[in-house]
C-alpha atoms as a PDB file:
ATOM      1  CA  MET A   1      79.015 126.516  80.857  1.00  0.00           C
ATOM      2  CA  SER A   2      82.295 125.114  79.520  1.00  0.00           C
ATOM      3  CA  ALA A   3      82.896 121.374  79.560  1.00  0.00           C
ATOM      4  CA  PRO A   4      85.169 120.023  82.316  1.00  0.00           C
ATOM      5  CA  LYS A   5      88.835 119.879  81.344  1.00  0.00           C
ATOM      6  CA  ARG A   6      89.922 116.515  80.005  1.00  0.00           C
ATOM      7  CA  PRO A   7      92.207 114.706  82.481  1.00  0.00           C
ATOM      8  CA  ASP A   8      95.606 113.464  81.397  1.00  0.00           C
ATOM      9  CA  VAL A   9      94.957 109.938  82.649  1.00  0.00           C
ATOM     10  CA  SER A  10      91.915 107.794  83.381  1.00  0.00           C
ATOM     11  CA  VAL A  11      92.941 105.188  85.960  1.00  0.00           C
ATOM     12  CA  ILE A  12      90.804 102.037  85.745  1.00  0.00           C
ATOM     13  CA  VAL A  13      91.022  99.570  88.642  1.00  0.00           C
ATOM     14  CA  VAL A  14      88.981  96.360  88.478  1.00  0.00           C
ATOM     15  CA  THR A  15      88.189  94.984  91.918  1.00  0.00           C
ATOM     16  CA  TYR A  16      86.902  91.671  93.226  1.00  0.00           C
ATOM     17  CA  ASN A  17      87.002  91.188  97.004  1.00  0.00           C
ATOM     18  CA  SER A  18      89.838  93.724  97.170  1.00  0.00           C
ATOM     19  CA  ALA A  19      89.010  95.506 100.443  1.00  0.00           C
ATOM     20  CA  SER A  20      92.329  94.560 102.065  1.00  0.00           C
ATOM     21  CA  ILE A  21      94.496  96.043  99.306  1.00  0.00           C
ATOM     22  CA  ILE A  22      92.509  98.725  97.477  1.00  0.00           C
ATOM     23  CA  GLU A  23      93.342 101.481  99.971  1.00  0.00           C
ATOM     24  CA  ARG A  24      97.096 101.168  99.419  1.00  0.00           C
ATOM     25  CA  CYS A  25      96.585 101.058  95.644  1.00  0.00           C
ATOM     26  CA  LEU A  26      94.428 104.190  95.489  1.00  0.00           C
ATOM     27  CA  CYS A  27      96.546 106.084  98.015  1.00  0.00           C
ATOM     28  CA  ALA A  28      99.538 105.576  95.718  1.00  0.00           C
ATOM     29  CA  VAL A  29      97.473 106.892  92.778  1.00  0.00           C
ATOM     30  CA  ARG A  30      96.347 109.893  94.830  1.00  0.00           C
ATOM     31  CA  GLU A  31      99.968 110.759  95.613  1.00  0.00           C
ATOM     32  CA  GLN A  32     101.069 110.866  91.964  1.00  0.00           C
ATOM     33  CA  THR A  33     102.065 114.360  90.833  1.00  0.00           C
ATOM     34  CA  GLY A  34     102.636 116.050  87.505  1.00  0.00           C
ATOM     35  CA  VAL A  35      99.550 114.679  85.756  1.00  0.00           C
ATOM     36  CA  SER A  36      95.807 115.101  86.262  1.00  0.00           C
ATOM     37  CA  CYS A  37      93.870 111.894  86.896  1.00  0.00           C
ATOM     38  CA  GLU A  38      90.362 110.584  87.165  1.00  0.00           C
ATOM     39  CA  VAL A  39      89.902 107.275  89.002  1.00  0.00           C
ATOM     40  CA  LEU A  40      87.340 104.691  87.899  1.00  0.00           C
ATOM     41  CA  VAL A  41      86.873 101.632  90.109  1.00  0.00           C
ATOM     42  CA  VAL A  42      84.909  98.847  88.410  1.00  0.00           C
ATOM     43  CA  ASP A  43      83.726  96.330  90.993  1.00  0.00           C
ATOM     44  CA  ASN A  44      82.947  92.768  89.921  1.00  0.00           C
ATOM     45  CA  ASP A  45      80.353  92.019  92.615  1.00  0.00           C
ATOM     46  CA  SER A  46      82.725  91.925  95.608  1.00  0.00           C
ATOM     47  CA  ARG A  47      81.352  90.150  98.681  1.00  0.00           C
ATOM     48  CA  ASP A  48      83.550  92.082 101.079  1.00  0.00           C
ATOM     49  CA  ASP A  49      83.591  95.836 101.785  1.00  0.00           C
ATOM     50  CA  THR A  50      85.560  96.883  98.690  1.00  0.00           C
ATOM     51  CA  VAL A  51      82.892  99.303  97.473  1.00  0.00           C
ATOM     52  CA  GLY A  52      82.422 100.743 100.966  1.00  0.00           C
ATOM     53  CA  VAL A  53      86.162 101.343 101.388  1.00  0.00           C
ATOM     54  CA  VAL A  54      86.431 103.130  98.050  1.00  0.00           C
ATOM     55  CA  ARG A  55      83.362 105.308  98.584  1.00  0.00           C
ATOM     56  CA  GLY A  56      84.325 106.134 102.166  1.00  0.00           C
ATOM     57  CA  ARG A  57      88.031 106.822 101.709  1.00  0.00           C
ATOM     58  CA  PHE A  58      88.221 108.003  98.093  1.00  0.00           C
ATOM     59  CA  PRO A  59      85.266 110.240  97.276  1.00  0.00           C
ATOM     60  CA  GLU A  60      87.086 111.481  94.179  1.00  0.00           C
ATOM     61  CA  ALA A  61      86.847 108.000  92.631  1.00  0.00           C
ATOM     62  CA  SER A  62      83.862 106.930  90.548  1.00  0.00           C
ATOM     63  CA  VAL A  63      82.579 103.461  91.450  1.00  0.00           C
ATOM     64  CA  ILE A  64      81.032 101.431  88.631  1.00  0.00           C
ATOM     65  CA  GLU A  65      79.281  98.269  89.818  1.00  0.00           C
ATOM     66  CA  SER A  66      79.287  95.658  87.066  1.00  0.00           C
ATOM     67  CA  GLY A  67      76.353  93.747  88.566  1.00  0.00           C
ATOM     68  CA  GLY A  68      78.218  90.437  88.632  1.00  0.00           C
ATOM     69  CA  ASN A  69      81.641  88.931  88.161  1.00  0.00           C
ATOM     70  CA  VAL A  70      81.836  89.690  84.445  1.00  0.00           C
ATOM     71  CA  GLY A  71      85.568  89.037  84.161  1.00  0.00           C
ATOM     72  CA  PHE A  72      88.622  91.246  83.903  1.00  0.00           C
ATOM     73  CA  ALA A  73      88.403  92.178  80.213  1.00  0.00           C
ATOM     74  CA  ALA A  74      84.697  93.017  80.326  1.00  0.00           C
ATOM     75  CA  ALA A  75      85.089  95.058  83.525  1.00  0.00           C
ATOM     76  CA  ASN A  76      87.893  97.111  82.003  1.00  0.00           C
ATOM     77  CA  ASN A  77      85.671  97.790  79.005  1.00  0.00           C
ATOM     78  CA  ARG A  78      82.962  99.060  81.381  1.00  0.00           C
ATOM     79  CA  GLY A  79      85.529 101.475  82.742  1.00  0.00           C
ATOM     80  CA  LEU A  80      86.530 102.542  79.236  1.00  0.00           C
ATOM     81  CA  GLU A  81      82.938 103.601  78.563  1.00  0.00           C
ATOM     82  CA  HIS A  82      83.391 106.308  81.220  1.00  0.00           C
ATOM     83  CA  ALA A  83      87.069 107.204  80.634  1.00  0.00           C
ATOM     84  CA  ARG A  84      87.824 110.759  79.459  1.00  0.00           C
ATOM     85  CA  GLY A  85      91.623 110.850  79.711  1.00  0.00           C
ATOM     86  CA  ARG A  86      94.161 111.218  76.911  1.00  0.00           C
ATOM     87  CA  PHE A  87      95.717 108.067  78.324  1.00  0.00           C
ATOM     88  CA  VAL A  88      94.146 105.122  80.157  1.00  0.00           C
ATOM     89  CA  PHE A  89      96.026 103.438  82.975  1.00  0.00           C
ATOM     90  CA  PHE A  90      94.899  99.875  83.692  1.00  0.00           C
ATOM     91  CA  LEU A  91      95.962  99.111  87.244  1.00  0.00           C
ATOM     92  CA  ASN A  92      95.502  95.974  89.342  1.00  0.00           C
ATOM     93  CA  PRO A  93      94.324  96.581  92.917  1.00  0.00           C
ATOM     94  CA  ASP A  94      97.410  94.687  94.147  1.00  0.00           C
ATOM     95  CA  ALA A  95      99.760  97.008  92.236  1.00  0.00           C
ATOM     96  CA  PHE A  96     101.169 100.078  93.974  1.00  0.00           C
ATOM     97  CA  LEU A  97     102.830 102.884  92.035  1.00  0.00           C
ATOM     98  CA  GLU A  98     106.093 104.356  93.229  1.00  0.00           C
ATOM     99  CA  PRO A  99     106.256 108.201  93.405  1.00  0.00           C
ATOM    100  CA  ASP A 100     106.164 109.975  90.021  1.00  0.00           C
ATOM    101  CA  ALA A 101     105.699 106.690  88.148  1.00  0.00           C
ATOM    102  CA  MET A 102     102.614 107.872  86.293  1.00  0.00           C
ATOM    103  CA  ALA A 103     104.164 111.165  85.144  1.00  0.00           C
ATOM    104  CA  THR A 104     107.236 109.251  83.938  1.00  0.00           C
ATOM    105  CA  LEU A 105     105.071 106.869  81.908  1.00  0.00           C
ATOM    106  CA  VAL A 106     103.041 109.701  80.381  1.00  0.00           C
ATOM    107  CA  ALA A 107     106.229 111.542  79.423  1.00  0.00           C
ATOM    108  CA  ALA A 108     107.594 108.382  77.816  1.00  0.00           C
ATOM    109  CA  LEU A 109     104.503 107.964  75.624  1.00  0.00           C
ATOM    110  CA  GLU A 110     104.428 111.650  74.751  1.00  0.00           C
ATOM    111  CA  ALA A 111     108.031 111.322  73.550  1.00  0.00           C
ATOM    112  CA  ARG A 112     107.136 108.268  71.437  1.00  0.00           C
ATOM    113  CA  PRO A 113     104.037 109.141  69.371  1.00  0.00           C
ATOM    114  CA  GLU A 114     104.289 105.817  67.522  1.00  0.00           C
ATOM    115  CA  ALA A 115     103.864 103.875  70.794  1.00  0.00           C
ATOM    116  CA  ALA A 116     100.487 103.025  72.303  1.00  0.00           C
ATOM    117  CA  VAL A 117     101.550 101.119  75.413  1.00  0.00           C
ATOM    118  CA  CYS A 118     104.000 101.874  78.197  1.00  0.00           C
ATOM    119  CA  ALA A 119     104.485  99.906  81.402  1.00  0.00           C
ATOM    120  CA  PRO A 120     106.686 100.356  84.469  1.00  0.00           C
ATOM    121  CA  ARG A 121     109.295  97.980  85.792  1.00  0.00           C
ATOM    122  CA  LEU A 122     107.497  95.704  88.272  1.00  0.00           C
ATOM    123  CA  LEU A 123     108.819  94.500  91.616  1.00  0.00           C
ATOM    124  CA  ASN A 124     107.568  91.705  93.839  1.00  0.00           C
ATOM    125  CA  ALA A 125     106.480  92.461  97.398  1.00  0.00           C
ATOM    126  CA  ASP A 126     109.973  91.583  98.685  1.00  0.00           C
ATOM    127  CA  GLY A 127     111.589  94.083  96.300  1.00  0.00           C
ATOM    128  CA  SER A 128     112.878  91.494  93.833  1.00  0.00           C
ATOM    129  CA  LEU A 129     112.393  91.988  90.107  1.00  0.00           C
ATOM    130  CA  GLN A 130     109.190  90.680  88.561  1.00  0.00           C
ATOM    131  CA  TYR A 131     109.644  89.460  84.993  1.00  0.00           C
ATOM    132  CA  SER A 132     106.874  91.394  83.271  1.00  0.00           C
ATOM    133  CA  ALA A 133     108.073  91.629  79.637  1.00  0.00           C
ATOM    134  CA  ARG A 134     107.196  88.899  77.176  1.00  0.00           C
ATOM    135  CA  ASN A 135     107.494  87.822  73.567  1.00  0.00           C
ATOM    136  CA  PHE A 136     104.385  87.002  71.587  1.00  0.00           C
ATOM    137  CA  PRO A 137     103.685  83.244  71.714  1.00  0.00           C
ATOM    138  CA  THR A 138     105.207  80.959  69.097  1.00  0.00           C
ATOM    139  CA  VAL A 139     105.665  77.192  69.057  1.00  0.00           C
ATOM    140  CA  PRO A 140     109.449  77.510  69.724  1.00  0.00           C
ATOM    141  CA  ASN A 141     109.118  79.860  72.710  1.00  0.00           C
ATOM    142  CA  GLN A 142     106.324  77.791  74.248  1.00  0.00           C
ATOM    143  CA  LEU A 143     108.595  74.767  73.942  1.00  0.00           C
ATOM    144  CA  PHE A 144     111.514  76.759  75.411  1.00  0.00           C
ATOM    145  CA  GLU A 145     109.316  77.539  78.421  1.00  0.00           C
ATOM    146  CA  ALA A 146     107.855  74.031  78.781  1.00  0.00           C
ATOM    147  CA  LEU A 147     111.337  72.487  78.821  1.00  0.00           C
ATOM    148  CA  MET A 148     112.382  74.969  81.542  1.00  0.00           C
ATOM    149  CA  LEU A 149     115.310  76.138  79.407  1.00  0.00           C
ATOM    150  CA  HIS A 150     114.925  79.645  80.837  1.00  0.00           C
ATOM    151  CA  LYS A 151     116.305  78.276  84.103  1.00  0.00           C
ATOM    152  CA  VAL A 152     119.736  77.779  82.551  1.00  0.00           C
ATOM    153  CA  MET A 153     119.555  80.186  79.584  1.00  0.00           C
ATOM    154  CA  ARG A 154     118.191  83.404  81.077  1.00  0.00           C
ATOM    155  CA  HIS A 155     119.956  85.681  78.607  1.00  0.00           C
ATOM    156  CA  SER A 156     118.634  83.634  75.696  1.00  0.00           C
ATOM    157  CA  SER A 157     115.082  84.111  76.950  1.00  0.00           C
ATOM    158  CA  CYS A 158     115.118  87.601  75.371  1.00  0.00           C
ATOM    159  CA  ARG A 159     115.184  85.952  71.967  1.00  0.00           C
ATOM    160  CA  TRP A 160     113.899  82.425  72.426  1.00  0.00           C
ATOM    161  CA  GLY A 161     111.691  82.520  75.491  1.00  0.00           C
ATOM    162  CA  ASP A 162     108.118  83.447  76.297  1.00  0.00           C
ATOM    163  CA  VAL A 163     108.778  85.425  79.496  1.00  0.00           C
ATOM    164  CA  ILE A 164     112.009  87.478  79.399  1.00  0.00           C
ATOM    165  CA  TYR A 165     114.011  86.330  82.428  1.00  0.00           C
ATOM    166  CA  ASP A 166     117.199  88.314  81.822  1.00  0.00           C
ATOM    167  CA  PRO A 167     117.443  90.903  84.677  1.00  0.00           C
ATOM    168  CA  GLY A 168     119.596  93.150  82.503  1.00  0.00           C
ATOM    169  CA  PHE A 169     116.716  93.584  80.084  1.00  0.00           C
ATOM    170  CA  TYR A 170     114.807  95.621  82.677  1.00  0.00           C
ATOM    171  CA  THR A 171     117.506  98.224  83.335  1.00  0.00           C
ATOM    172  CA  THR A 172     116.720 100.457  80.360  1.00  0.00           C
ATOM    173  CA  ASP A 173     113.752 101.495  78.236  1.00  0.00           C
ATOM    174  CA  ARG A 174     112.916  98.812  75.669  1.00  0.00           C
ATOM    175  CA  SER A 175     110.535  98.107  72.828  1.00  0.00           C
ATOM    176  CA  VAL A 176     108.815  94.806  73.633  1.00  0.00           C
ATOM    177  CA  ASP A 177     106.132  92.509  72.243  1.00  0.00           C
ATOM    178  CA  TRP A 178     103.854  92.749  75.259  1.00  0.00           C
ATOM    179  CA  LEU A 179     103.852  93.578  78.962  1.00  0.00           C
ATOM    180  CA  SER A 180     101.990  92.472  82.064  1.00  0.00           C
ATOM    181  CA  GLY A 181      98.600  94.106  82.494  1.00  0.00           C
ATOM    182  CA  ALA A 182      99.142  94.736  86.210  1.00  0.00           C
ATOM    183  CA  ALA A 183     100.104  98.356  85.459  1.00  0.00           C
ATOM    184  CA  LEU A 184      99.646  99.390  81.851  1.00  0.00           C
ATOM    185  CA  LEU A 185      99.368 102.885  80.370  1.00  0.00           C
ATOM    186  CA  VAL A 186      97.675 102.967  76.952  1.00  0.00           C
ATOM    187  CA  ARG A 187      97.006 105.826  74.556  1.00  0.00           C
ATOM    188  CA  ALA A 188      93.232 106.466  74.419  1.00  0.00           C
ATOM    189  CA  GLU A 189      93.164 106.923  70.635  1.00  0.00           C
ATOM    190  CA  ALA A 190      94.841 103.541  70.169  1.00  0.00           C
ATOM    191  CA  LEU A 191      92.287 101.873  72.458  1.00  0.00           C
ATOM    192  CA  GLU A 192      89.496 103.412  70.416  1.00  0.00           C
ATOM    193  CA  GLU A 193      91.104 102.180  67.208  1.00  0.00           C
ATOM    194  CA  VAL A 194      91.557  98.620  68.469  1.00  0.00           C
ATOM    195  CA  GLY A 195      88.156  98.436  70.166  1.00  0.00           C
ATOM    196  CA  GLY A 196      89.221  97.772  73.757  1.00  0.00           C
ATOM    197  CA  PHE A 197      89.578  94.321  75.296  1.00  0.00           C
ATOM    198  CA  ASP A 198      88.175  91.140  73.791  1.00  0.00           C
ATOM    199  CA  GLU A 199      85.618  89.940  76.329  1.00  0.00           C
ATOM    200  CA  ARG A 200      85.956  86.284  75.385  1.00  0.00           C
ATOM    201  CA  PHE A 201      88.960  86.331  77.770  1.00  0.00           C
ATOM    202  CA  PHE A 202      87.470  86.135  81.268  1.00  0.00           C
ATOM    203  CA  LEU A 203      90.869  86.348  82.997  1.00  0.00           C
ATOM    204  CA  TYR A 204      94.435  86.087  81.641  1.00  0.00           C
ATOM    205  CA  SER A 205      95.693  86.614  78.071  1.00  0.00           C
ATOM    206  CA  GLU A 206      93.432  89.636  77.597  1.00  0.00           C
ATOM    207  CA  GLU A 207      96.347  92.096  77.779  1.00  0.00           C
ATOM    208  CA  LYS A 208      98.423  89.885  75.466  1.00  0.00           C
ATOM    209  CA  ASP A 209      95.587  89.825  72.944  1.00  0.00           C
ATOM    210  CA  LEU A 210      95.101  93.602  73.217  1.00  0.00           C
ATOM    211  CA  GLN A 211      98.776  94.320  72.606  1.00  0.00           C
ATOM    212  CA  TYR A 212      98.971  91.837  69.735  1.00  0.00           C
ATOM    213  CA  ARG A 213      96.078  93.575  68.007  1.00  0.00           C
ATOM    214  CA  LEU A 214      97.748  96.944  68.610  1.00  0.00           C
ATOM    215  CA  ALA A 215     100.950  95.565  67.079  1.00  0.00           C
ATOM    216  CA  LEU A 216      99.022  94.477  63.984  1.00  0.00           C
ATOM    217  CA  LEU A 217      97.840  98.085  63.643  1.00  0.00           C
ATOM    218  CA  GLY A 218     101.429  99.343  63.835  1.00  0.00           C
ATOM    219  CA  TRP A 219     101.419 100.674  67.426  1.00  0.00           C
ATOM    220  CA  GLY A 220     104.550 100.201  69.555  1.00  0.00           C
ATOM    221  CA  ARG A 221     104.765  98.829  73.097  1.00  0.00           C
ATOM    222  CA  MET A 222     107.525  99.799  75.511  1.00  0.00           C
ATOM    223  CA  LEU A 223     108.966  99.074  78.933  1.00  0.00           C
ATOM    224  CA  CYS A 224     109.815 102.236  80.868  1.00  0.00           C
ATOM    225  CA  ALA A 225     112.580 101.298  83.301  1.00  0.00           C
ATOM    226  CA  GLY A 226     112.474 104.711  84.980  1.00  0.00           C
ATOM    227  CA  ALA A 227     108.982 104.057  86.398  1.00  0.00           C
ATOM    228  CA  THR A 228     108.409 101.414  89.062  1.00  0.00           C
ATOM    229  CA  ALA A 229     105.425  99.706  90.664  1.00  0.00           C
ATOM    230  CA  VAL A 230     105.165  96.951  93.258  1.00  0.00           C
ATOM    231  CA  HIS A 231     102.905  94.111  92.134  1.00  0.00           C
ATOM    232  CA  ALA A 232     102.375  92.464  95.479  1.00  0.00           C
ATOM    233  CA  HIS A 233     100.620  89.273  94.411  1.00  0.00           C
ATOM    234  CA  GLY A 234     102.368  88.840  91.091  1.00  0.00           C
ATOM    235  CA  ASP A 235     104.836  86.367  92.577  1.00  0.00           C
ATOM    236  CA  SER A 236     102.079  84.186  94.045  1.00  0.00           C
ATOM    237  CA  TYR A 237     100.941  80.959  92.388  1.00  0.00           C
ATOM    238  CA  ARG A 238      97.162  80.685  92.270  1.00  0.00           C
ATOM    239  CA  GLN A 239      96.411  76.975  91.873  1.00  0.00           C
ATOM    240  CA  ASP A 240      92.673  77.686  91.776  1.00  0.00           C
ATOM    241  CA  LEU A 241      93.179  79.790  88.640  1.00  0.00           C
ATOM    242  CA  PHE A 242      95.540  77.422  86.824  1.00  0.00           C
ATOM    243  CA  LEU A 243      92.836  76.002  84.544  1.00  0.00           C
ATOM    244  CA  THR A 244      91.515  79.487  83.830  1.00  0.00           C
ATOM    245  CA  GLY A 245      94.963  80.454  82.585  1.00  0.00           C
ATOM    246  CA  ILE A 246      95.188  77.350  80.391  1.00  0.00           C
ATOM    247  CA  ARG A 247      91.761  78.030  78.869  1.00  0.00           C
ATOM    248  CA  SER A 248      92.677  81.638  78.141  1.00  0.00           C
ATOM    249  CA  LYS A 249      95.949  80.640  76.486  1.00  0.00           C
ATOM    250  CA  ALA A 250      94.088  78.075  74.375  1.00  0.00           C
ATOM    251  CA  ALA A 251      91.528  80.742  73.387  1.00  0.00           C
ATOM    252  CA  TYR A 252      94.362  83.059  72.351  1.00  0.00           C
ATOM    253  CA  PHE A 253      95.943  80.428  70.111  1.00  0.00           C
ATOM    254  CA  GLU A 254      92.579  79.491  68.638  1.00  0.00           C
ATOM    255  CA  LYS A 255      91.841  83.136  67.845  1.00  0.00           C
ATOM    256  CA  HIS A 256      95.175  84.079  66.297  1.00  0.00           C
ATOM    257  CA  PHE A 257      96.543  80.838  64.886  1.00  0.00           C
END
């Protein structure tokens, strides 16, 4: 018997109490055309009916129960252990792909063999632009951000800032330092070369660290303006996770600097 055909894309969605949003996320994945997909849902010990919703509504998806809240990086690595696709699409459960977004991203990476990462333009739930492209951290751009200079120097944020706040930047395909992990297509061979996510990052900075390590290996990262996804909770401030973000940023600087 011949082995099953390798899918174009392995979609990995890490869930944690995501029952209210996972259906919309996976429906949008199901409606993508032009590429073959396998869906891997890694659940971090949800206390709601996330697993039940996925198994009941999306029988084509494989559910991997992590056995606890192991963190975002570790859960994605659990998914990678099962991924068979030529590309791996890391997708947040609160991110919803617009039609044909996945095929557009795959085509963009196929046209750029030197690139490992491609991400869509992200929108907030109200349709406004979400600033998802960033420069790798340096002392000057962290200072630029801390002093709130991006508020009055948006165009300069492309060069001097941490987050790129210039709306014009997102109107065309761009090579970038790193992109938000809410919706991130990565070449499988590059993931194998870099060794997946660093599990010391429980939440936040893990995608920045991954893309920095890919950059050190010579792989490119690109924004694909022709593909769009709505990241519904990306414009929400989570005060309860503020310290987690600070710890992850400190761990990143300790590791690389």
